[in-house]
Protein backbone atom coordinates (compact mmCIF):
# COMPACT_ATOMS: atom_id res chain seq x y z
CA MET A 1 113.06 -14.85 -13.82
CA HIS A 2 110.48 -17.33 -12.56
CA PRO A 3 110.83 -20.98 -13.56
CA ASN A 4 107.97 -22.49 -15.52
CA ILE A 5 106.52 -25.96 -15.05
CA GLU A 6 108.72 -27.51 -17.75
CA ASP A 7 111.85 -26.14 -16.07
CA ILE A 8 110.75 -27.49 -12.69
CA ILE A 9 109.98 -30.91 -14.17
CA GLN A 10 113.39 -31.09 -15.82
CA GLN A 11 115.27 -29.88 -12.72
CA HIS A 12 113.65 -32.07 -10.06
CA ASP A 13 112.34 -35.55 -9.47
CA ILE A 14 108.95 -34.91 -7.90
CA ILE A 15 106.29 -36.81 -5.99
CA VAL A 16 102.86 -35.19 -5.90
CA PHE A 17 100.72 -36.53 -3.06
CA ASP A 18 97.27 -35.83 -1.60
CA ALA A 19 98.01 -33.87 1.57
CA VAL A 20 94.65 -34.64 3.24
CA CYS A 21 94.92 -38.40 2.73
CA VAL A 22 96.13 -40.39 5.75
CA ILE A 23 97.91 -42.97 3.58
CA CYS A 24 99.52 -40.30 1.40
CA ASN A 25 100.77 -38.39 4.43
CA GLY A 26 102.22 -41.62 5.79
CA TRP A 27 103.92 -42.17 2.43
CA ALA A 28 105.36 -38.64 2.52
CA ARG A 29 106.67 -39.21 6.06
CA PHE A 30 108.17 -42.53 4.90
CA LEU A 31 109.98 -40.71 2.07
CA ILE A 32 111.26 -38.03 4.42
CA GLN A 33 112.70 -40.77 6.63
CA TYR A 34 114.17 -43.06 3.97
CA ASP A 35 115.00 -40.83 1.00
CA LYS A 36 118.32 -39.93 2.61
CA LYS A 37 119.77 -38.43 -0.60
CA ILE A 38 116.59 -36.37 -1.11
CA GLN A 39 116.22 -37.68 -4.64
CA PHE A 40 112.53 -36.79 -4.68
CA LYS A 41 110.93 -33.46 -3.84
CA LEU A 42 107.48 -33.68 -2.30
CA VAL A 43 104.65 -31.49 -3.54
CA SER A 44 101.16 -31.39 -2.08
CA ALA A 45 98.45 -31.84 -4.73
CA GLN A 46 96.57 -29.00 -3.03
CA SER A 47 99.46 -26.51 -3.26
CA PRO A 48 99.79 -24.00 -6.12
CA LEU A 49 102.65 -26.03 -7.59
CA GLY A 50 100.71 -29.30 -7.17
CA ILE A 51 97.71 -27.82 -8.95
CA ALA A 52 99.96 -26.48 -11.74
CA LEU A 53 101.55 -29.93 -12.17
CA LEU A 54 98.15 -31.65 -12.27
CA GLU A 55 96.93 -29.14 -14.86
CA HIS A 56 100.13 -29.59 -16.87
CA TYR A 57 99.43 -33.31 -17.11
CA GLN A 58 95.71 -32.68 -17.74
CA MET A 59 94.64 -34.37 -14.52
CA SER A 60 91.80 -33.38 -12.21
CA THR A 61 92.66 -30.73 -9.66
CA GLU A 62 89.41 -31.44 -7.79
CA HIS A 63 89.84 -35.19 -7.13
CA CYS A 64 93.38 -36.45 -6.74
CA THR A 65 93.14 -40.16 -7.53
CA THR A 66 96.79 -41.09 -7.94
CA MET A 67 100.17 -40.13 -6.66
CA LEU A 68 102.38 -38.70 -9.39
CA VAL A 69 106.06 -39.48 -9.69
CA ILE A 70 107.95 -37.34 -12.17
CA ARG A 71 111.44 -38.74 -12.67
CA ASP A 72 113.89 -37.53 -15.32
CA GLY A 73 111.01 -35.59 -16.87
CA THR A 74 108.80 -38.69 -17.26
CA LEU A 75 105.41 -39.00 -15.54
CA TYR A 76 104.48 -42.18 -13.69
CA THR A 77 101.09 -42.82 -12.08
CA GLU A 78 99.32 -45.42 -9.99
CA SER A 79 101.24 -48.59 -9.11
CA THR A 80 104.12 -47.75 -11.43
CA ALA A 81 104.63 -44.46 -9.57
CA LEU A 82 104.89 -46.31 -6.26
CA LEU A 83 107.30 -48.90 -7.67
CA LYS A 84 109.40 -46.24 -9.42
CA ALA A 85 109.86 -44.32 -6.15
CA LEU A 86 110.72 -47.45 -4.14
CA GLN A 87 113.14 -48.60 -6.83
CA HIS A 88 115.23 -45.46 -6.33
CA LEU A 89 115.34 -45.57 -2.54
CA GLY A 90 117.92 -48.35 -2.54
CA PHE A 91 118.10 -51.54 -0.52
CA PRO A 92 115.84 -53.00 0.87
CA PHE A 93 113.08 -50.94 -0.76
CA ASN A 94 114.33 -51.56 -4.29
CA LEU A 95 113.44 -55.24 -3.78
CA MET A 96 109.86 -54.12 -4.33
CA SER A 97 110.80 -53.80 -8.01
CA ALA A 98 109.71 -57.42 -8.14
CA GLY A 99 106.23 -55.88 -8.26
CA TYR A 100 106.90 -55.16 -11.93
CA LEU A 101 106.47 -58.92 -12.49
CA VAL A 102 102.76 -58.51 -11.72
CA PRO A 103 100.95 -57.38 -14.87
CA ARG A 104 100.27 -53.63 -14.78
CA PHE A 105 96.50 -53.99 -15.22
CA ILE A 106 96.37 -56.06 -12.01
CA ARG A 107 98.71 -53.72 -10.08
CA ASP A 108 96.76 -50.66 -11.21
CA PHE A 109 93.40 -52.26 -10.42
CA LEU A 110 94.55 -52.94 -6.84
CA TYR A 111 96.03 -49.44 -6.59
CA ARG A 112 92.74 -47.87 -7.78
CA VAL A 113 90.63 -49.90 -5.34
CA ILE A 114 92.65 -48.52 -2.44
CA ALA A 115 93.03 -45.00 -3.90
CA LEU A 116 89.34 -44.55 -4.64
CA ASN A 117 88.32 -45.80 -1.18
CA ARG A 118 91.16 -44.32 0.87
CA TYR A 119 89.05 -41.73 2.69
CA THR A 120 86.41 -44.33 3.60
CA LEU A 121 88.99 -46.89 4.69
CA PHE A 122 91.48 -44.61 6.44
CA GLY A 123 89.80 -41.21 6.76
CA LYS A 124 91.26 -37.78 6.19
CA THR A 125 94.03 -36.29 8.22
CA GLU A 126 93.20 -33.44 10.54
CA TYR A 127 96.59 -31.90 9.95
CA CYS A 128 98.58 -31.71 6.74
CA LEU A 129 102.22 -32.59 6.56
CA ILE A 130 103.86 -29.24 6.10
CA PRO A 131 107.45 -28.28 5.46
CA SER A 132 109.24 -27.58 8.70
CA GLY A 133 112.81 -26.77 9.59
CA GLU A 134 113.74 -30.44 9.87
CA ASN A 135 112.09 -31.67 6.66
CA LYS A 136 111.94 -28.53 4.49
CA ARG A 137 114.62 -29.79 2.07
CA HIS A 138 112.27 -32.62 1.04
CA PHE A 139 109.60 -30.20 -0.25
CA LEU A 140 109.34 -28.16 -3.43
CA GLU A 141 106.31 -26.05 -2.58
CA ASN A 142 107.66 -22.60 -3.53
CA ALA A 143 109.36 -23.42 -6.84
CA LEU A 144 106.94 -21.27 -8.86
CA ARG A 145 107.93 -18.24 -6.78
CA GLU A 146 111.67 -18.87 -6.66
CA SER A 147 113.89 -16.94 -9.00
């Protein structure tokens, strides 16, 4: 039996990231390094599972404009997604929870300015971060095919 999107969302805490974005790839590498307990599973927005998740949440599959954090079945986007992920990485990263003191409309405005201009500011990566032997446990790319 193949798991459906709802099952995957309930079973895993997920971060969907733009695999061609330099900043997003840096973020994914950061998570691989500092998410020692592998609380979050990484999913490329361009992968079949990433596309299915974006469609599930009725988001564009053509233009990824925000990282998604799905934690305990709840979707977080934009600045809240970033803060939610950092909050669960433990000390010292959880100190960034102080960012919640900044009103969301300001945090999200700043997030959008960077997100919408990320390719112009930082370019696109020439190589995507792909699951390898050393980091494979951090990825959830084949969940739709697993039984």
